Amino acid sequence: MKKYFVIILILICIPNTIFWLAKNDPDKKNEFNSVYSFKIAKIRVTPTKKLIFYDKDNNEIYTYNHYISDTYGVSVGDSIYKGAKSKFLNIYKKSSEGTYELYYASPAQEQFE
């Protein structure tokens, strides 16, 4: 009986611990609180087809809460904006008039408050 209790306790505790760690990932929280506003200078594609962006100073911006793949049509010269605690990362493309227009709004995969 005691053996089964321990097994059940482990089966409950381990998944809950893994879920808690994934939910409280500091990288995701930092990104959620961050502000992004830059023109894309370089793009790198990961093996899973996710995009990693670079600004003009060659700073890498990896989005943990937003999945943007190489099929979304994002290119060098596009502009990215995300406000602090914003649910969306917005991508803007330059129009023929020279103004930036909203092209895609990527919803956050997780919300933190």
N, C-alpha and C. Protein backbone atom coordinates (compact mmCIF):
# COMPACT_ATOMS: atom_id res chain seq x y z
N MET A 1 0.82 -1.20 0.00
CA MET A 1 0.00 0.00 0.00
C MET A 1 0.86 1.26 0.00
N LYS A 2 1.89 1.26 0.84
CA LYS A 2 2.78 2.42 0.92
C LYS A 2 3.52 2.61 -0.41
N LYS A 3 3.89 1.51 -1.03
CA LYS A 3 4.60 1.57 -2.32
C LYS A 3 3.73 2.25 -3.38
N TYR A 4 2.44 1.91 -3.45
CA TYR A 4 1.53 2.50 -4.41
C TYR A 4 1.31 3.99 -4.15
N PHE A 5 1.26 4.35 -2.88
CA PHE A 5 1.11 5.75 -2.51
C PHE A 5 2.30 6.57 -3.00
N VAL A 6 3.50 6.04 -2.84
CA VAL A 6 4.71 6.72 -3.29
C VAL A 6 4.71 6.85 -4.81
N ILE A 7 4.32 5.80 -5.51
CA ILE A 7 4.28 5.82 -6.97
C ILE A 7 3.25 6.86 -7.45
N ILE A 8 2.09 6.88 -6.86
CA ILE A 8 1.06 7.86 -7.24
C ILE A 8 1.53 9.27 -6.94
N LEU A 9 2.16 9.46 -5.81
CA LEU A 9 2.68 10.78 -5.45
C LEU A 9 3.72 11.25 -6.46
N ILE A 10 4.61 10.36 -6.87
CA ILE A 10 5.62 10.70 -7.88
C ILE A 10 4.97 11.03 -9.21
N LEU A 11 3.97 10.24 -9.61
CA LEU A 11 3.29 10.48 -10.88
C LEU A 11 2.53 11.81 -10.89
N ILE A 12 2.16 12.28 -9.74
CA ILE A 12 1.48 13.58 -9.66
C ILE A 12 2.50 14.71 -9.55
N CYS A 13 3.52 14.54 -8.76
CA CYS A 13 4.49 15.62 -8.50
C CYS A 13 5.39 15.93 -9.70
N ILE A 14 5.87 14.93 -10.38
CA ILE A 14 6.81 15.16 -11.48
C ILE A 14 6.16 15.95 -12.62
N PRO A 15 5.00 15.58 -13.12
CA PRO A 15 4.39 16.40 -14.19
C PRO A 15 4.06 17.81 -13.73
N ASN A 16 3.60 17.96 -12.50
CA ASN A 16 3.30 19.30 -11.99
C ASN A 16 4.55 20.14 -11.88
N THR A 17 5.65 19.57 -11.48
CA THR A 17 6.91 20.29 -11.39
C THR A 17 7.39 20.70 -12.78
N ILE A 18 7.31 19.81 -13.73
CA ILE A 18 7.72 20.12 -15.10
C ILE A 18 6.84 21.24 -15.66
N PHE A 19 5.53 21.16 -15.43
CA PHE A 19 4.62 22.20 -15.90
C PHE A 19 4.96 23.54 -15.26
N TRP A 20 5.23 23.55 -13.95
CA TRP A 20 5.55 24.79 -13.25
C TRP A 20 6.84 25.40 -13.79
N LEU A 21 7.85 24.57 -14.03
CA LEU A 21 9.11 25.08 -14.57
C LEU A 21 8.93 25.66 -15.97
N ALA A 22 8.16 25.00 -16.79
CA ALA A 22 7.91 25.49 -18.15
C ALA A 22 7.11 26.79 -18.12
N LYS A 23 6.17 26.89 -17.22
CA LYS A 23 5.33 28.09 -17.12
C LYS A 23 6.12 29.28 -16.59
N ASN A 24 7.09 29.04 -15.76
CA ASN A 24 7.84 30.12 -15.13
C ASN A 24 9.25 30.27 -15.73
N ASP A 25 9.37 29.97 -17.00
CA ASP A 25 10.64 30.10 -17.69
C ASP A 25 11.08 31.57 -17.68
N PRO A 26 12.24 31.87 -17.10
CA PRO A 26 12.67 33.28 -17.01
C PRO A 26 12.88 33.94 -18.37
N ASP A 27 13.30 33.19 -19.37
CA ASP A 27 13.47 33.78 -20.71
C ASP A 27 12.14 34.26 -21.27
N LYS A 28 11.09 33.48 -21.06
CA LYS A 28 9.77 33.86 -21.56
C LYS A 28 9.24 35.07 -20.80
N LYS A 29 9.47 35.10 -19.50
CA LYS A 29 9.02 36.26 -18.70
C LYS A 29 9.78 37.51 -19.11
N ASN A 30 11.09 37.39 -19.30
CA ASN A 30 11.88 38.55 -19.71
C ASN A 30 11.41 39.08 -21.05
N GLU A 31 11.14 38.17 -21.98
CA GLU A 31 10.66 38.62 -23.29
C GLU A 31 9.30 39.29 -23.17
N PHE A 32 8.42 38.74 -22.36
CA PHE A 32 7.09 39.32 -22.19
C PHE A 32 7.18 40.75 -21.66
N ASN A 33 8.15 41.02 -20.79
CA ASN A 33 8.32 42.35 -20.21
C ASN A 33 9.15 43.28 -21.08
N SER A 34 9.78 42.76 -22.12
CA SER A 34 10.67 43.55 -22.97
C SER A 34 9.91 44.38 -23.99
N VAL A 35 10.61 45.41 -24.48
CA VAL A 35 10.10 46.24 -25.56
C VAL A 35 11.02 46.04 -26.76
N TYR A 36 10.44 45.75 -27.92
CA TYR A 36 11.21 45.62 -29.15
C TYR A 36 10.73 46.68 -30.12
N SER A 37 11.66 47.37 -30.72
CA SER A 37 11.33 48.35 -31.76
C SER A 37 12.58 48.53 -32.61
N PHE A 38 12.65 47.81 -33.71
CA PHE A 38 13.83 47.87 -34.56
C PHE A 38 13.52 47.41 -35.98
N LYS A 39 14.40 47.77 -36.88
CA LYS A 39 14.34 47.33 -38.27
C LYS A 39 15.21 46.08 -38.38
N ILE A 40 14.70 45.05 -39.03
CA ILE A 40 15.42 43.79 -39.16
C ILE A 40 16.60 43.98 -40.10
N ALA A 41 17.82 43.71 -39.59
CA ALA A 41 19.03 43.83 -40.40
C ALA A 41 19.50 42.48 -40.93
N LYS A 42 19.15 41.42 -40.22
CA LYS A 42 19.59 40.08 -40.62
C LYS A 42 18.62 39.07 -40.03
N ILE A 43 18.41 37.97 -40.73
CA ILE A 43 17.54 36.90 -40.27
C ILE A 43 18.28 35.58 -40.38
N ARG A 44 18.17 34.78 -39.34
CA ARG A 44 18.73 33.42 -39.38
C ARG A 44 17.58 32.44 -39.18
N VAL A 45 17.59 31.36 -39.91
CA VAL A 45 16.55 30.34 -39.82
C VAL A 45 17.11 29.15 -39.06
N THR A 46 16.38 28.72 -38.01
CA THR A 46 16.81 27.56 -37.21
C THR A 46 16.44 26.27 -37.95
N PRO A 47 16.95 25.12 -37.51
CA PRO A 47 16.57 23.86 -38.15
C PRO A 47 15.06 23.57 -38.08
N THR A 48 14.37 24.17 -37.10
CA THR A 48 12.92 23.98 -37.00
C THR A 48 12.15 25.03 -37.78
N LYS A 49 12.86 25.84 -38.60
CA LYS A 49 12.29 26.87 -39.48
C LYS A 49 11.82 28.12 -38.73
N LYS A 50 12.17 28.25 -37.45
CA LYS A 50 11.85 29.45 -36.69
C LYS A 50 12.87 30.53 -37.03
N LEU A 51 12.42 31.79 -37.06
CA LEU A 51 13.30 32.89 -37.41
C LEU A 51 13.93 33.51 -36.17
N ILE A 52 15.20 33.85 -36.28
CA ILE A 52 15.92 34.61 -35.26
C ILE A 52 16.30 35.92 -35.94
N PHE A 53 15.97 37.03 -35.29
CA PHE A 53 16.18 38.34 -35.88
C PHE A 53 17.41 39.02 -35.31
N TYR A 54 18.01 39.91 -36.10
CA TYR A 54 19.15 40.71 -35.67
C TYR A 54 18.86 42.17 -36.02
N ASP A 55 19.21 43.06 -35.08
CA ASP A 55 19.05 44.48 -35.35
C ASP A 55 20.31 45.02 -36.02
N LYS A 56 20.37 46.34 -36.25
CA LYS A 56 21.50 46.94 -36.96
C LYS A 56 22.82 46.82 -36.20
N ASP A 57 22.75 46.63 -34.86
CA ASP A 57 23.96 46.46 -34.05
C ASP A 57 24.34 44.99 -33.89
N ASN A 58 23.70 44.12 -34.66
CA ASN A 58 23.93 42.68 -34.67
C ASN A 58 23.53 42.01 -33.35
N ASN A 59 22.58 42.62 -32.61
CA ASN A 59 22.03 42.00 -31.41
C ASN A 59 21.00 40.95 -31.83
N GLU A 60 21.13 39.76 -31.28
CA GLU A 60 20.21 38.67 -31.61
C GLU A 60 18.93 38.82 -30.80
N ILE A 61 17.80 38.72 -31.47
CA ILE A 61 16.50 38.74 -30.82
C ILE A 61 15.82 37.43 -31.13
N TYR A 62 15.80 36.55 -30.13
CA TYR A 62 15.15 35.25 -30.25
C TYR A 62 13.81 35.34 -29.52
N THR A 63 12.74 35.06 -30.20
CA THR A 63 11.42 35.18 -29.60
C THR A 63 10.99 33.86 -28.98
N TYR A 64 10.89 33.84 -27.66
CA TYR A 64 10.47 32.63 -26.95
C TYR A 64 8.96 32.47 -26.94
N ASN A 65 8.24 33.59 -26.87
CA ASN A 65 6.77 33.54 -26.77
C ASN A 65 6.07 33.63 -28.11
N HIS A 66 6.81 33.92 -29.16
CA HIS A 66 6.20 34.11 -30.49
C HIS A 66 6.88 33.19 -31.49
N TYR A 67 6.07 32.43 -32.21
CA TYR A 67 6.62 31.55 -33.23
C TYR A 67 6.42 32.20 -34.59
N ILE A 68 7.54 32.56 -35.21
CA ILE A 68 7.51 33.15 -36.55
C ILE A 68 8.42 32.31 -37.42
N SER A 69 7.84 31.64 -38.41
CA SER A 69 8.63 30.73 -39.23
C SER A 69 9.02 31.38 -40.55
N ASP A 70 9.84 30.67 -41.30
CA ASP A 70 10.31 31.19 -42.58
C ASP A 70 9.22 31.24 -43.64
N THR A 71 8.06 30.68 -43.37
CA THR A 71 6.95 30.70 -44.34
C THR A 71 6.07 31.94 -44.18
N TYR A 72 6.35 32.79 -43.21
CA TYR A 72 5.50 33.95 -42.92
C TYR A 72 5.80 35.15 -43.82
N GLY A 73 6.85 35.10 -44.61
CA GLY A 73 7.16 36.19 -45.53
C GLY A 73 7.88 37.37 -44.90
N VAL A 74 8.47 37.17 -43.72
CA VAL A 74 9.22 38.23 -43.07
C VAL A 74 10.59 38.33 -43.72
N SER A 75 11.06 39.56 -43.96
CA SER A 75 12.34 39.72 -44.64
C SER A 75 13.15 40.86 -44.03
N VAL A 76 14.42 40.93 -44.42
CA VAL A 76 15.30 42.01 -43.97
C VAL A 76 14.70 43.33 -44.44
N GLY A 77 14.72 44.32 -43.56
CA GLY A 77 14.14 45.62 -43.87
C GLY A 77 12.77 45.81 -43.24
N ASP A 78 12.12 44.71 -42.86
CA ASP A 78 10.85 44.83 -42.15
C ASP A 78 11.12 45.38 -40.75
N SER A 79 10.09 45.87 -40.13
CA SER A 79 10.22 46.47 -38.80
C SER A 79 9.44 45.64 -37.79
N ILE A 80 9.99 45.52 -36.58
CA ILE A 80 9.35 44.75 -35.50
C ILE A 80 9.07 45.69 -34.34
N TYR A 81 7.88 45.55 -33.77
CA TYR A 81 7.54 46.31 -32.57
C TYR A 81 6.75 45.43 -31.61
N LYS A 82 7.16 45.47 -30.32
CA LYS A 82 6.40 44.81 -29.25
C LYS A 82 6.52 45.68 -28.02
N GLY A 83 5.41 46.06 -27.46
CA GLY A 83 5.41 46.84 -26.22
C GLY A 83 5.60 45.93 -25.02
N ALA A 84 5.98 46.52 -23.89
CA ALA A 84 6.13 45.76 -22.65
C ALA A 84 4.79 45.14 -22.27
N LYS A 85 4.82 43.88 -21.91
CA LYS A 85 3.63 43.11 -21.51
C LYS A 85 2.57 43.03 -22.60
N SER A 86 2.99 43.22 -23.83
CA SER A 86 2.07 43.16 -24.96
C SER A 86 1.80 41.70 -25.35
N LYS A 87 0.60 41.44 -25.79
CA LYS A 87 0.23 40.09 -26.23
C LYS A 87 0.66 39.82 -27.66
N PHE A 88 1.05 40.88 -28.38
CA PHE A 88 1.40 40.72 -29.79
C PHE A 88 2.77 41.29 -30.12
N LEU A 89 3.46 40.61 -31.01
CA LEU A 89 4.68 41.11 -31.62
C LEU A 89 4.27 41.47 -33.04
N ASN A 90 4.36 42.74 -33.37
CA ASN A 90 3.90 43.23 -34.68
C ASN A 90 5.05 43.34 -35.66
N ILE A 91 4.79 42.90 -36.88
CA ILE A 91 5.76 43.01 -37.96
C ILE A 91 5.17 43.93 -39.02
N TYR A 92 5.97 44.91 -39.40
CA TYR A 92 5.54 45.92 -40.37
C TYR A 92 6.38 45.82 -41.63
N LYS A 93 5.74 45.97 -42.77
CA LYS A 93 6.44 46.02 -44.06
C LYS A 93 6.30 47.43 -44.63
N LYS A 94 7.33 47.85 -45.35
CA LYS A 94 7.33 49.17 -45.96
C LYS A 94 6.45 49.14 -47.20
N SER A 95 5.54 50.10 -47.28
CA SER A 95 4.64 50.17 -48.44
C SER A 95 5.32 50.93 -49.58
N SER A 96 4.66 50.98 -50.71
CA SER A 96 5.21 51.70 -51.87
C SER A 96 5.26 53.22 -51.60
N GLU A 97 4.45 53.69 -50.66
CA GLU A 97 4.47 55.12 -50.29
C GLU A 97 5.61 55.44 -49.32
N GLY A 98 6.29 54.41 -48.83
CA GLY A 98 7.41 54.62 -47.91
C GLY A 98 7.03 54.55 -46.44
N THR A 99 5.78 54.28 -46.12
CA THR A 99 5.37 54.14 -44.73
C THR A 99 5.30 52.66 -44.36
N TYR A 100 5.45 52.39 -43.08
CA TYR A 100 5.36 51.01 -42.61
C TYR A 100 3.92 50.68 -42.26
N GLU A 101 3.45 49.54 -42.77
CA GLU A 101 2.09 49.09 -42.50
C GLU A 101 2.13 47.73 -41.84
N LEU A 102 1.17 47.49 -40.94
CA LEU A 102 1.12 46.22 -40.22
C LEU A 102 0.98 45.07 -41.21
N TYR A 103 1.89 44.11 -41.11
CA TYR A 103 1.90 42.95 -41.99
C TYR A 103 1.41 41.71 -41.26
N TYR A 104 1.87 41.55 -40.02
CA TYR A 104 1.53 40.36 -39.23
C TYR A 104 1.62 40.68 -37.75
N ALA A 105 0.64 40.22 -36.99
CA ALA A 105 0.65 40.36 -35.53
C ALA A 105 0.72 38.96 -34.94
N SER A 106 1.87 38.64 -34.35
CA SER A 106 2.09 37.31 -33.79
C SER A 106 1.61 37.28 -32.34
N PRO A 107 0.59 36.46 -32.04
CA PRO A 107 0.11 36.38 -30.66
C PRO A 107 1.10 35.62 -29.78
N ALA A 108 1.20 36.04 -28.53
CA ALA A 108 2.09 35.35 -27.58
C ALA A 108 1.53 33.97 -27.28
N GLN A 109 2.44 33.00 -27.16
CA GLN A 109 2.01 31.65 -26.83
C GLN A 109 1.67 31.52 -25.35
N GLU A 110 2.25 32.39 -24.52
CA GLU A 110 1.97 32.39 -23.08
C GLU A 110 1.77 33.81 -22.61
N GLN A 111 0.96 33.97 -21.59
CA GLN A 111 0.73 35.29 -20.99
C GLN A 111 1.23 35.28 -19.55
N PHE A 112 1.88 36.33 -19.16
CA PHE A 112 2.34 36.50 -17.79
C PHE A 112 1.73 37.79 -17.26
N GLU A 113 1.40 37.80 -16.03
CA GLU A 113 0.87 39.03 -15.42
C GLU A 113 1.67 39.39 -14.21
